[in-house]
Amino acid sequence: ATLGAGWPAPRWYFWADAWIFMGSLLAT
């Protein structure tokens, strides 16, 4: 969310992207 502060996106977008990030790492 901090990195994308200048890019308009709903908050859920960053939560979803964060889950994909963490889930992918944990799965690997």
PDB file of all heavy atoms in Angstrom:
ATOM      1  N   ALA A   1       0.834  -1.206   0.000  1.00  0.00           N
ATOM      2  CA  ALA A   1       0.000   0.000   0.000  1.00  0.00           C
ATOM      3  C   ALA A   1       0.867   1.253   0.000  1.00  0.00           C
ATOM      4  O   ALA A   1       0.551   2.251  -0.649  1.00  0.00           O
ATOM      5  CB  ALA A   1      -0.925  -0.006   1.205  1.00  0.00           C
ATOM      6  N   THR A   2       1.980   1.200   0.729  1.00  0.00           N
ATOM      7  CA  THR A   2       2.890   2.341   0.778  1.00  0.00           C
ATOM      8  C   THR A   2       3.580   2.547  -0.563  1.00  0.00           C
ATOM      9  O   THR A   2       3.692   3.666  -1.068  1.00  0.00           O
ATOM     10  CB  THR A   2       3.960   2.130   1.871  1.00  0.00           C
ATOM     11  OG1 THR A   2       3.306   1.980   3.139  1.00  0.00           O
ATOM     12  CG2 THR A   2       4.911   3.312   1.933  1.00  0.00           C
ATOM     13  N   LEU A   3       4.032   1.434  -1.161  1.00  0.00           N
ATOM     14  CA  LEU A   3       4.685   1.518  -2.468  1.00  0.00           C
ATOM     15  C   LEU A   3       3.724   2.016  -3.539  1.00  0.00           C
ATOM     16  O   LEU A   3       4.126   2.721  -4.461  1.00  0.00           O
ATOM     17  CB  LEU A   3       5.229   0.137  -2.865  1.00  0.00           C
ATOM     18  CG  LEU A   3       6.411  -0.396  -2.050  1.00  0.00           C
ATOM     19  CD1 LEU A   3       6.751  -1.814  -2.479  1.00  0.00           C
ATOM     20  CD2 LEU A   3       7.623   0.505  -2.209  1.00  0.00           C
ATOM     21  N   GLY A   4       2.463   1.652  -3.413  1.00  0.00           N
ATOM     22  CA  GLY A   4       1.476   2.044  -4.418  1.00  0.00           C
ATOM     23  C   GLY A   4       0.641   3.239  -4.019  1.00  0.00           C
ATOM     24  O   GLY A   4      -0.463   3.430  -4.536  1.00  0.00           O
ATOM     25  N   ALA A   5       1.171   4.057  -3.108  1.00  0.00           N
ATOM     26  CA  ALA A   5       0.402   5.203  -2.596  1.00  0.00           C
ATOM     27  C   ALA A   5      -0.033   6.155  -3.705  1.00  0.00           C
ATOM     28  O   ALA A   5      -1.096   6.767  -3.618  1.00  0.00           O
ATOM     29  CB  ALA A   5       1.231   5.952  -1.551  1.00  0.00           C
ATOM     30  N   GLY A   6       0.773   6.267  -4.745  1.00  0.00           N
ATOM     31  CA  GLY A   6       0.426   7.181  -5.828  1.00  0.00           C
ATOM     32  C   GLY A   6      -0.437   6.550  -6.900  1.00  0.00           C
ATOM     33  O   GLY A   6      -0.774   7.207  -7.892  1.00  0.00           O
ATOM     34  N   TRP A   7      -0.785   5.306  -6.710  1.00  0.00           N
ATOM     35  CA  TRP A   7      -1.604   4.604  -7.698  1.00  0.00           C
ATOM     36  C   TRP A   7      -2.963   4.288  -7.094  1.00  0.00           C
ATOM     37  O   TRP A   7      -3.041   3.618  -6.061  1.00  0.00           O
ATOM     38  CB  TRP A   7      -0.908   3.307  -8.122  1.00  0.00           C
ATOM     39  CG  TRP A   7      -1.673   2.524  -9.144  1.00  0.00           C
ATOM     40  CD1 TRP A   7      -1.868   2.829 -10.451  1.00  0.00           C
ATOM     41  CD2 TRP A   7      -2.376   1.288  -8.932  1.00  0.00           C
ATOM     42  NE1 TRP A   7      -2.618   1.886 -11.073  1.00  0.00           N
ATOM     43  CE2 TRP A   7      -2.948   0.917 -10.154  1.00  0.00           C
ATOM     44  CE3 TRP A   7      -2.554   0.471  -7.809  1.00  0.00           C
ATOM     45  CZ2 TRP A   7      -3.706  -0.232 -10.300  1.00  0.00           C
ATOM     46  CZ3 TRP A   7      -3.303  -0.671  -7.967  1.00  0.00           C
ATOM     47  CH2 TRP A   7      -3.863  -1.024  -9.195  1.00  0.00           C
ATOM     48  N   PRO A   8      -4.051   4.774  -7.661  1.00  0.00           N
ATOM     49  CA  PRO A   8      -5.379   4.591  -7.059  1.00  0.00           C
ATOM     50  C   PRO A   8      -5.841   3.132  -7.089  1.00  0.00           C
ATOM     51  O   PRO A   8      -5.985   2.534  -8.148  1.00  0.00           O
ATOM     52  CB  PRO A   8      -6.279   5.469  -7.933  1.00  0.00           C
ATOM     53  CG  PRO A   8      -5.575   5.524  -9.257  1.00  0.00           C
ATOM     54  CD  PRO A   8      -4.111   5.518  -8.926  1.00  0.00           C
ATOM     55  N   ALA A   9      -6.042   2.574  -5.924  1.00  0.00           N
ATOM     56  CA  ALA A   9      -6.511   1.189  -5.813  1.00  0.00           C
ATOM     57  C   ALA A   9      -7.230   1.014  -4.491  1.00  0.00           C
ATOM     58  O   ALA A   9      -6.834   1.620  -3.484  1.00  0.00           O
ATOM     59  CB  ALA A   9      -5.341   0.212  -5.899  1.00  0.00           C
ATOM     60  N   PRO A  10      -8.298   0.220  -4.466  1.00  0.00           N
ATOM     61  CA  PRO A  10      -8.981  -0.047  -3.196  1.00  0.00           C
ATOM     62  C   PRO A  10      -8.085  -0.843  -2.265  1.00  0.00           C
ATOM     63  O   PRO A  10      -7.170  -1.555  -2.702  1.00  0.00           O
ATOM     64  CB  PRO A  10     -10.208  -0.859  -3.630  1.00  0.00           C
ATOM     65  CG  PRO A  10      -9.810  -1.480  -4.940  1.00  0.00           C
ATOM     66  CD  PRO A  10      -8.925  -0.480  -5.604  1.00  0.00           C
ATOM     67  N   ARG A  11      -8.341  -0.729  -0.978  1.00  0.00           N
ATOM     68  CA  ARG A  11      -7.470  -1.384   0.010  1.00  0.00           C
ATOM     69  C   ARG A  11      -7.451  -2.897  -0.155  1.00  0.00           C
ATOM     70  O   ARG A  11      -6.418  -3.543   0.065  1.00  0.00           O
ATOM     71  CB  ARG A  11      -7.954  -1.022   1.421  1.00  0.00           C
ATOM     72  CG  ARG A  11      -6.986  -1.423   2.525  1.00  0.00           C
ATOM     73  CD  ARG A  11      -5.706  -0.628   2.441  1.00  0.00           C
ATOM     74  NE  ARG A  11      -4.750  -1.003   3.479  1.00  0.00           N
ATOM     75  CZ  ARG A  11      -3.636  -0.350   3.723  1.00  0.00           C
ATOM     76  NH1 ARG A  11      -3.319   0.715   3.024  1.00  0.00           N
ATOM     77  NH2 ARG A  11      -2.812  -0.755   4.675  1.00  0.00           N
ATOM     78  N   TRP A  12      -8.568  -3.487  -0.563  1.00  0.00           N
ATOM     79  CA  TRP A  12      -8.622  -4.933  -0.686  1.00  0.00           C
ATOM     80  C   TRP A  12      -7.603  -5.443  -1.707  1.00  0.00           C
ATOM     81  O   TRP A  12      -7.130  -6.582  -1.632  1.00  0.00           O
ATOM     82  CB  TRP A  12     -10.018  -5.406  -1.087  1.00  0.00           C
ATOM     83  CG  TRP A  12     -10.498  -4.923  -2.433  1.00  0.00           C
ATOM     84  CD1 TRP A  12     -11.341  -3.881  -2.682  1.00  0.00           C
ATOM     85  CD2 TRP A  12     -10.150  -5.465  -3.726  1.00  0.00           C
ATOM     86  NE1 TRP A  12     -11.537  -3.733  -4.038  1.00  0.00           N
ATOM     87  CE2 TRP A  12     -10.825  -4.697  -4.706  1.00  0.00           C
ATOM     88  CE3 TRP A  12      -9.340  -6.524  -4.138  1.00  0.00           C
ATOM     89  CZ2 TRP A  12     -10.717  -4.944  -6.065  1.00  0.00           C
ATOM     90  CZ3 TRP A  12      -9.211  -6.779  -5.501  1.00  0.00           C
ATOM     91  CH2 TRP A  12      -9.912  -5.995  -6.450  1.00  0.00           C
ATOM     92  N   TYR A  13      -7.277  -4.572  -2.670  1.00  0.00           N
ATOM     93  CA  TYR A  13      -6.326  -4.952  -3.717  1.00  0.00           C
ATOM     94  C   TYR A  13      -4.975  -5.331  -3.110  1.00  0.00           C
ATOM     95  O   TYR A  13      -4.376  -6.343  -3.475  1.00  0.00           O
ATOM     96  CB  TYR A  13      -6.177  -3.782  -4.684  1.00  0.00           C
ATOM     97  CG  TYR A  13      -5.172  -3.990  -5.795  1.00  0.00           C
ATOM     98  CD1 TYR A  13      -5.568  -4.513  -7.025  1.00  0.00           C
ATOM     99  CD2 TYR A  13      -3.824  -3.655  -5.628  1.00  0.00           C
ATOM    100  CE1 TYR A  13      -4.655  -4.708  -8.050  1.00  0.00           C
ATOM    101  CE2 TYR A  13      -2.913  -3.847  -6.637  1.00  0.00           C
ATOM    102  CZ  TYR A  13      -3.323  -4.370  -7.855  1.00  0.00           C
ATOM    103  OH  TYR A  13      -2.419  -4.568  -8.857  1.00  0.00           O
ATOM    104  N   PHE A  14      -4.526  -4.514  -2.156  1.00  0.00           N
ATOM    105  CA  PHE A  14      -3.226  -4.773  -1.545  1.00  0.00           C
ATOM    106  C   PHE A  14      -3.270  -5.972  -0.602  1.00  0.00           C
ATOM    107  O   PHE A  14      -2.286  -6.696  -0.467  1.00  0.00           O
ATOM    108  CB  PHE A  14      -2.734  -3.521  -0.817  1.00  0.00           C
ATOM    109  CG  PHE A  14      -2.561  -2.335  -1.728  1.00  0.00           C
ATOM    110  CD1 PHE A  14      -3.441  -1.272  -1.681  1.00  0.00           C
ATOM    111  CD2 PHE A  14      -1.534  -2.301  -2.662  1.00  0.00           C
ATOM    112  CE1 PHE A  14      -3.288  -0.176  -2.530  1.00  0.00           C
ATOM    113  CE2 PHE A  14      -1.371  -1.222  -3.521  1.00  0.00           C
ATOM    114  CZ  PHE A  14      -2.253  -0.159  -3.452  1.00  0.00           C
ATOM    115  N   TRP A  15      -4.413  -6.183   0.058  1.00  0.00           N
ATOM    116  CA  TRP A  15      -4.570  -7.374   0.895  1.00  0.00           C
ATOM    117  C   TRP A  15      -4.503  -8.636   0.028  1.00  0.00           C
ATOM    118  O   TRP A  15      -3.846  -9.619   0.385  1.00  0.00           O
ATOM    119  CB  TRP A  15      -5.893  -7.334   1.652  1.00  0.00           C
ATOM    120  CG  TRP A  15      -5.886  -6.444   2.854  1.00  0.00           C
ATOM    121  CD1 TRP A  15      -6.385  -5.173   2.951  1.00  0.00           C
ATOM    122  CD2 TRP A  15      -5.354  -6.753   4.150  1.00  0.00           C
ATOM    123  NE1 TRP A  15      -6.184  -4.673   4.211  1.00  0.00           N
ATOM    124  CE2 TRP A  15      -5.562  -5.615   4.976  1.00  0.00           C
ATOM    125  CE3 TRP A  15      -4.715  -7.856   4.698  1.00  0.00           C
ATOM    126  CZ2 TRP A  15      -5.163  -5.569   6.312  1.00  0.00           C
ATOM    127  CZ3 TRP A  15      -4.313  -7.820   6.027  1.00  0.00           C
ATOM    128  CH2 TRP A  15      -4.533  -6.697   6.817  1.00  0.00           C
ATOM    129  N   ALA A  16      -5.191  -8.590  -1.115  1.00  0.00           N
ATOM    130  CA  ALA A  16      -5.195  -9.748  -2.010  1.00  0.00           C
ATOM    131  C   ALA A  16      -3.796 -10.019  -2.560  1.00  0.00           C
ATOM    132  O   ALA A  16      -3.326 -11.165  -2.606  1.00  0.00           O
ATOM    133  CB  ALA A  16      -6.175  -9.515  -3.170  1.00  0.00           C
ATOM    134  N   ASP A  17      -3.113  -8.950  -2.978  1.00  0.00           N
ATOM    135  CA  ASP A  17      -1.770  -9.111  -3.520  1.00  0.00           C
ATOM    136  C   ASP A  17      -0.813  -9.627  -2.456  1.00  0.00           C
ATOM    137  O   ASP A  17       0.094 -10.430  -2.730  1.00  0.00           O
ATOM    138  CB  ASP A  17      -1.284  -7.768  -4.069  1.00  0.00           C
ATOM    139  CG  ASP A  17      -0.302  -7.933  -5.227  1.00  0.00           C
ATOM    140  OD1 ASP A  17      -0.199  -9.054  -5.764  1.00  0.00           O
ATOM    141  OD2 ASP A  17       0.362  -6.945  -5.597  1.00  0.00           O
ATOM    142  N   ALA A  18      -1.016  -9.175  -1.202  1.00  0.00           N
ATOM    143  CA  ALA A  18      -0.166  -9.635  -0.099  1.00  0.00           C
ATOM    144  C   ALA A  18      -0.377 -11.118   0.169  1.00  0.00           C
ATOM    145  O   ALA A  18       0.575 -11.853   0.460  1.00  0.00           O
ATOM    146  CB  ALA A  18      -0.452  -8.821   1.160  1.00  0.00           C
ATOM    147  N   TRP A  19      -1.629 -11.576   0.104  1.00  0.00           N
ATOM    148  CA  TRP A  19      -1.897 -12.999   0.320  1.00  0.00           C
ATOM    149  C   TRP A  19      -1.255 -13.853  -0.778  1.00  0.00           C
ATOM    150  O   TRP A  19      -0.672 -14.904  -0.510  1.00  0.00           O
ATOM    151  CB  TRP A  19      -3.393 -13.276   0.373  1.00  0.00           C
ATOM    152  CG  TRP A  19      -3.704 -14.732   0.157  1.00  0.00           C
ATOM    153  CD1 TRP A  19      -4.439 -15.268  -0.853  1.00  0.00           C
ATOM    154  CD2 TRP A  19      -3.256 -15.852   0.953  1.00  0.00           C
ATOM    155  NE1 TRP A  19      -4.475 -16.644  -0.755  1.00  0.00           N
ATOM    156  CE2 TRP A  19      -3.758 -17.025   0.342  1.00  0.00           C
ATOM    157  CE3 TRP A  19      -2.478 -15.961   2.103  1.00  0.00           C
ATOM    158  CZ2 TRP A  19      -3.504 -18.294   0.867  1.00  0.00           C
ATOM    159  CZ3 TRP A  19      -2.216 -17.233   2.612  1.00  0.00           C
ATOM    160  CH2 TRP A  19      -2.734 -18.378   1.995  1.00  0.00           C
ATOM    161  N   ILE A  20      -1.345 -13.378  -2.024  1.00  0.00           N
ATOM    162  CA  ILE A  20      -0.718 -14.106  -3.121  1.00  0.00           C
ATOM    163  C   ILE A  20       0.791 -14.206  -2.885  1.00  0.00           C
ATOM    164  O   ILE A  20       1.401 -15.260  -3.086  1.00  0.00           O
ATOM    165  CB  ILE A  20      -0.999 -13.400  -4.459  1.00  0.00           C
ATOM    166  CG1 ILE A  20      -2.492 -13.488  -4.787  1.00  0.00           C
ATOM    167  CG2 ILE A  20      -0.177 -14.016  -5.585  1.00  0.00           C
ATOM    168  CD1 ILE A  20      -2.894 -12.665  -5.988  1.00  0.00           C
ATOM    169  N   PHE A  21       1.380 -13.091  -2.445  1.00  0.00           N
ATOM    170  CA  PHE A  21       2.808 -13.045  -2.179  1.00  0.00           C
ATOM    171  C   PHE A  21       3.208 -14.040  -1.092  1.00  0.00           C
ATOM    172  O   PHE A  21       4.072 -14.897  -1.282  1.00  0.00           O
ATOM    173  CB  PHE A  21       3.203 -11.619  -1.775  1.00  0.00           C
ATOM    174  CG  PHE A  21       4.655 -11.451  -1.430  1.00  0.00           C
ATOM    175  CD1 PHE A  21       5.598 -11.266  -2.434  1.00  0.00           C
ATOM    176  CD2 PHE A  21       5.085 -11.461  -0.112  1.00  0.00           C
ATOM    177  CE1 PHE A  21       6.945 -11.107  -2.113  1.00  0.00           C
ATOM    178  CE2 PHE A  21       6.418 -11.299   0.214  1.00  0.00           C
ATOM    179  CZ  PHE A  21       7.346 -11.122  -0.799  1.00  0.00           C
ATOM    180  N   MET A  22       2.559 -13.940   0.079  1.00  0.00           N
ATOM    181  CA  MET A  22       2.915 -14.798   1.207  1.00  0.00           C
ATOM    182  C   MET A  22       2.540 -16.250   0.945  1.00  0.00           C
ATOM    183  O   MET A  22       3.299 -17.170   1.256  1.00  0.00           O
ATOM    184  CB  MET A  22       2.226 -14.312   2.483  1.00  0.00           C
ATOM    185  CG  MET A  22       2.820 -13.053   3.069  1.00  0.00           C
ATOM    186  SD  MET A  22       4.593 -13.189   3.441  1.00  0.00           S
ATOM    187  CE  MET A  22       4.626 -14.626   4.532  1.00  0.00           C
ATOM    188  N   GLY A  23       1.362 -16.463   0.390  1.00  0.00           N
ATOM    189  CA  GLY A  23       0.929 -17.829   0.110  1.00  0.00           C
ATOM    190  C   GLY A  23       1.859 -18.535  -0.852  1.00  0.00           C
ATOM    191  O   GLY A  23       2.174 -19.720  -0.676  1.00  0.00           O
ATOM    192  N   SER A  24       2.330 -17.806  -1.858  1.00  0.00           N
ATOM    193  CA  SER A  24       3.243 -18.392  -2.836  1.00  0.00           C
ATOM    194  C   SER A  24       4.566 -18.792  -2.191  1.00  0.00           C
ATOM    195  O   SER A  24       5.105 -19.863  -2.462  1.00  0.00           O
ATOM    196  CB  SER A  24       3.497 -17.395  -3.970  1.00  0.00           C
ATOM    197  OG  SER A  24       2.302 -17.073  -4.640  1.00  0.00           O
ATOM    198  N   LEU A  25       5.080 -17.918  -1.325  1.00  0.00           N
ATOM    199  CA  LEU A  25       6.338 -18.225  -0.649  1.00  0.00           C
ATOM    200  C   LEU A  25       6.192 -19.432   0.264  1.00  0.00           C
ATOM    201  O   LEU A  25       7.046 -20.325   0.289  1.00  0.00           O
ATOM    202  CB  LEU A  25       6.811 -17.015   0.159  1.00  0.00           C
ATOM    203  CG  LEU A  25       7.264 -15.791  -0.619  1.00  0.00           C
ATOM    204  CD1 LEU A  25       7.808 -14.730   0.333  1.00  0.00           C
ATOM    205  CD2 LEU A  25       8.326 -16.154  -1.650  1.00  0.00           C
ATOM    206  N   LEU A  26       5.102 -19.457   1.035  1.00  0.00           N
ATOM    207  CA  LEU A  26       4.890 -20.562   1.966  1.00  0.00           C
ATOM    208  C   LEU A  26       4.652 -21.875   1.222  1.00  0.00           C
ATOM    209  O   LEU A  26       5.105 -22.935   1.661  1.00  0.00           O
ATOM    210  CB  LEU A  26       3.711 -20.250   2.886  1.00  0.00           C
ATOM    211  CG  LEU A  26       3.952 -19.094   3.874  1.00  0.00           C
ATOM    212  CD1 LEU A  26       2.678 -18.803   4.663  1.00  0.00           C
ATOM    213  CD2 LEU A  26       5.095 -19.432   4.826  1.00  0.00           C
ATOM    214  N   ALA A  27       3.953 -21.805   0.097  1.00  0.00           N
ATOM    215  CA  ALA A  27       3.722 -23.013  -0.696  1.00  0.00           C
ATOM    216  C   ALA A  27       5.043 -23.556  -1.238  1.00  0.00           C
ATOM    217  O   ALA A  27       5.285 -24.769  -1.219  1.00  0.00           O
ATOM    218  CB  ALA A  27       2.763 -22.711  -1.850  1.00  0.00           C
ATOM    219  N   THR A  28       5.907 -22.656  -1.718  1.00  0.00           N
ATOM    220  CA  THR A  28       7.198 -23.086  -2.243  1.00  0.00           C
ATOM    221  C   THR A  28       8.054 -23.699  -1.147  1.00  0.00           C
ATOM    222  O   THR A  28       8.736 -24.712  -1.358  1.00  0.00           O
ATOM    223  CB  THR A  28       7.933 -21.894  -2.888  1.00  0.00           C
ATOM    224  OG1 THR A  28       7.077 -21.280  -3.861  1.00  0.00           O
ATOM    225  CG2 THR A  28       9.212 -22.365  -3.579  1.00  0.00           C
TER     226      THR A  28
END
